[in-house]
Structure formats: C-alpha cells, structure tokens
C-alpha atoms as a PDB file:
ATOM      1  CA  LEU A   1      80.097 100.871  79.982  1.00  0.00           C
ATOM      2  CA  SER A   2      81.904  98.521  77.976  1.00  0.00           C
ATOM      3  CA  ARG A   3      81.468  94.927  77.031  1.00  0.00           C
ATOM      4  CA  TRP A   4      83.710  92.060  76.173  1.00  0.00           C
ATOM      5  CA  ARG A   5      83.250  90.225  72.844  1.00  0.00           C
ATOM      6  CA  ALA A   6      85.635  87.693  71.543  1.00  0.00           C
ATOM      7  CA  GLY A   7      88.596  89.304  73.888  1.00  0.00           C
ATOM      8  CA  LYS A   8      87.751  93.105  72.320  1.00  0.00           C
ATOM      9  CA  VAL A   9      86.131  95.769  74.089  1.00  0.00           C
ATOM     10  CA  ALA A  10      83.112  97.266  72.598  1.00  0.00           C
ATOM     11  CA  SER A  11      82.020 100.628  73.699  1.00  0.00           C
ATOM     12  CA  GLU A  12      78.128 101.203  73.935  1.00  0.00           C
ATOM     13  CA  PRO A  13      76.887 103.118  70.481  1.00  0.00           C
ATOM     14  CA  PRO A  14      75.993 106.870  70.922  1.00  0.00           C
ATOM     15  CA  PRO A  15      72.109 107.620  71.585  1.00  0.00           C
ATOM     16  CA  SER A  16      69.651 106.824  69.175  1.00  0.00           C
ATOM     17  CA  ASN A  17      65.992 106.471  68.750  1.00  0.00           C
ATOM     18  CA  PHE A  18      66.429 102.273  68.720  1.00  0.00           C
ATOM     19  CA  LEU A  19      66.992 100.503  71.527  1.00  0.00           C
ATOM     20  CA  GLY A  20      67.891  96.892  71.645  1.00  0.00           C
ATOM     21  CA  LEU A  21      66.285  94.813  74.724  1.00  0.00           C
ATOM     22  CA  PHE A  22      68.037  92.209  75.513  1.00  0.00           C
ATOM     23  CA  ASN A  23      67.442  89.028  78.258  1.00  0.00           C
ATOM     24  CA  LEU A  24      63.884  89.381  78.045  1.00  0.00           C
ATOM     25  CA  PRO A  25      61.544  86.146  79.186  1.00  0.00           C
ATOM     26  CA  PHE A  26      61.127  83.671  76.270  1.00  0.00           C
ATOM     27  CA  THR A  27      57.395  83.880  77.234  1.00  0.00           C
ATOM     28  CA  THR A  28      57.211  87.526  76.512  1.00  0.00           C
ATOM     29  CA  SER A  29      54.445  88.090  73.908  1.00  0.00           C
ATOM     30  CA  LEU A  30      54.106  90.840  71.486  1.00  0.00           C
ATOM     31  CA  GLU A  31      51.066  92.276  72.983  1.00  0.00           C
ATOM     32  CA  GLU A  32      52.685  92.478  76.270  1.00  0.00           C
ATOM     33  CA  LEU A  33      55.811  94.119  75.276  1.00  0.00           C
ATOM     34  CA  THR A  34      53.977  96.470  73.019  1.00  0.00           C
ATOM     35  CA  ASN A  35      51.211  97.612  75.484  1.00  0.00           C
ATOM     36  CA  PHE A  36      54.204  97.938  78.457  1.00  0.00           C
ATOM     37  CA  LEU A  37      56.479 100.192  76.190  1.00  0.00           C
ATOM     38  CA  SER A  38      53.457 102.268  74.629  1.00  0.00           C
ATOM     39  CA  ASN A  39      53.874 103.946  78.277  1.00  0.00           C
ATOM     40  CA  PHE A  40      56.890 105.518  77.264  1.00  0.00           C
ATOM     41  CA  PRO A  41      56.759 108.914  75.045  1.00  0.00           C
ATOM     42  CA  GLY A  42      57.375 108.673  71.598  1.00  0.00           C
ATOM     43  CA  PHE A  43      57.058 104.925  71.713  1.00  0.00           C
ATOM     44  CA  ILE A  44      56.476 103.841  67.620  1.00  0.00           C
ATOM     45  CA  THR A  45      56.739  99.864  67.391  1.00  0.00           C
ATOM     46  CA  VAL A  46      58.434  97.126  68.485  1.00  0.00           C
ATOM     47  CA  ARG A  47      60.127  93.881  66.939  1.00  0.00           C
ATOM     48  CA  MET A  48      60.538  90.721  68.725  1.00  0.00           C
ATOM     49  CA  VAL A  49      63.147  88.585  67.184  1.00  0.00           C
ATOM     50  CA  THR A  50      62.314  84.834  66.447  1.00  0.00           C
ATOM     51  CA  ARG A  51      63.709  81.426  65.386  1.00  0.00           C
ATOM     52  CA  GLY A  52      62.592  80.037  62.353  1.00  0.00           C
ATOM     53  CA  ASN A  53      60.061  77.917  64.214  1.00  0.00           C
ATOM     54  CA  GLY A  54      58.521  81.380  65.339  1.00  0.00           C
ATOM     55  CA  LYS A  55      59.860  80.913  69.157  1.00  0.00           C
ATOM     56  CA  PHE A  56      60.608  84.215  70.724  1.00  0.00           C
ATOM     57  CA  ARG A  57      64.553  84.544  71.116  1.00  0.00           C
ATOM     58  CA  GLY A  58      64.728  86.644  73.882  1.00  0.00           C
ATOM     59  CA  TYR A  59      65.500  89.761  72.585  1.00  0.00           C
ATOM     60  CA  ALA A  60      63.703  92.787  70.539  1.00  0.00           C
ATOM     61  CA  PHE A  61      64.477  96.075  69.198  1.00  0.00           C
ATOM     62  CA  ALA A  62      62.175  99.278  69.909  1.00  0.00           C
ATOM     63  CA  HIS A  63      61.739 102.525  67.930  1.00  0.00           C
ATOM     64  CA  PHE A  64      61.085 105.704  69.422  1.00  0.00           C
ATOM     65  CA  ALA A  65      60.520 109.271  67.674  1.00  0.00           C
ATOM     66  CA  THR A  66      63.805 110.692  69.215  1.00  0.00           C
ATOM     67  CA  SER A  67      66.799 109.820  71.015  1.00  0.00           C
ATOM     68  CA  ASP A  68      65.528 111.773  74.082  1.00  0.00           C
ATOM     69  CA  ASP A  69      62.496 109.225  74.016  1.00  0.00           C
ATOM     70  CA  ALA A  70      64.781 106.240  73.910  1.00  0.00           C
ATOM     71  CA  THR A  71      67.044 107.518  76.669  1.00  0.00           C
ATOM     72  CA  LEU A  72      64.136 108.027  78.932  1.00  0.00           C
ATOM     73  CA  CYS A  73      62.868 104.217  78.557  1.00  0.00           C
ATOM     74  CA  LYS A  74      66.661 102.888  78.382  1.00  0.00           C
ATOM     75  CA  VAL A  75      66.927 104.623  81.892  1.00  0.00           C
ATOM     76  CA  VAL A  76      63.769 103.178  83.084  1.00  0.00           C
ATOM     77  CA  LEU A  77      64.010  99.716  82.114  1.00  0.00           C
ATOM     78  CA  SER A  78      68.045  99.285  82.574  1.00  0.00           C
ATOM     79  CA  GLY A  79      68.281  96.622  85.343  1.00  0.00           C
ATOM     80  CA  MET A  80      64.466  96.405  85.773  1.00  0.00           C
ATOM     81  CA  THR A  81      63.524  92.816  86.364  1.00  0.00           C
ATOM     82  CA  LEU A  82      61.028  90.977  84.442  1.00  0.00           C
ATOM     83  CA  LYS A  83      59.462  87.793  84.974  1.00  0.00           C
ATOM     84  CA  GLY A  84      63.070  87.115  86.962  1.00  0.00           C
ATOM     85  CA  GLN A  85      65.080  88.103  84.719  1.00  0.00           C
ATOM     86  CA  THR A  86      67.097  91.590  84.689  1.00  0.00           C
ATOM     87  CA  VAL A  87      66.529  93.615  81.259  1.00  0.00           C
ATOM     88  CA  ASP A  88      69.481  94.791  79.477  1.00  0.00           C
ATOM     89  CA  VAL A  89      68.783  97.522  77.511  1.00  0.00           C
ATOM     90  CA  ARG A  90      71.373  99.329  74.630  1.00  0.00           C
ATOM     91  CA  TYR A  91      70.915 101.779  72.066  1.00  0.00           C
ATOM     92  CA  GLY A  92      70.623 100.356  68.699  1.00  0.00           C
ATOM     93  CA  THR A  93      73.284 101.382  66.062  1.00  0.00           C
ATOM     94  CA  GLN A  94      71.091 100.459  62.724  1.00  0.00           C
ATOM     95  CA  PRO A  95      67.299 100.874  62.591  1.00  0.00           C
ATOM     96  CA  TRP A  96      65.452  98.030  60.630  1.00  0.00           C
ATOM     97  CA  SER A  97      63.063  98.740  57.345  1.00  0.00           C
ATOM     98  CA  ALA A  98      59.707  99.335  57.660  1.00  0.00           C
ATOM     99  CA  THR A  99      59.407  96.204  55.355  1.00  0.00           C
ATOM    100  CA  ALA A 100      61.700  94.108  57.697  1.00  0.00           C
ATOM    101  CA  ALA A 101      59.283  95.167  60.637  1.00  0.00           C
ATOM    102  CA  ALA A 102      56.209  94.353  58.574  1.00  0.00           C
ATOM    103  CA  GLU A 103      57.539  90.566  57.521  1.00  0.00           C
ATOM    104  CA  SER A 104      58.558  90.048  60.906  1.00  0.00           C
ATOM    105  CA  GLU A 105      54.944  90.951  62.146  1.00  0.00           C
ATOM    106  CA  SER A 106      52.970  89.029  59.533  1.00  0.00           C
ATOM    107  CA  SER A 107      55.382  85.707  60.475  1.00  0.00           C
ATOM    108  CA  ARG A 108      53.587  85.582  63.660  1.00  0.00           C
END
C-alpha cells in the first residue's frame, strides 16, 4: 500500500516492532489507549503525541516485543472504528528513545 506525499509515492516501511496509530479521536486518553493495547501480546508501551499545550494531536506510537506482535496488532486495528473515526495503523520506521518516552509521560 502506498501513500502520496508532496507528489511522491511513499511505500509503507517494512514490518517492525513499532506501530504508528493515526486518526485517533482527540478525546482518547493515555489510560484508554494503554488498557486497549495491553490486550495484544508483546505490548510494551505507547507514546501519545501532544501539542505544546498538552492537548493530544490524534496519533500515537506503540512499542511491541517483536515485529510479529506488532503485525498482529496492525492486522486487528487497521480499519477499526474508534469513537466514530477509522484508525490508520502503519509500521514505525524509528523507535523513540526511553528518555523521550519518559519525558512524554512526565509532561502530562
């Protein structure tokens, strides 16, 4: 599956143990997302991306123990509707550091 970006075709990254979760409702909480993802094997953590004012931007990054664990989650979540919005799930290309994840959590 390819996506158009600035007139160029970008192919999806290869499977990895990181997933980008996009088009999430702005009302989604970290607790809701963590509780939901913890039902998937190998789920480690999730990082929700926020604006400078702390408001959720509608996307998050999830870390799984293996790419197989992430793939299972991707298959189940792709196209799922959450609070009326269709979730877009893509493999991540770069993990975030433990420091960045901790800073993200402490800024809440």
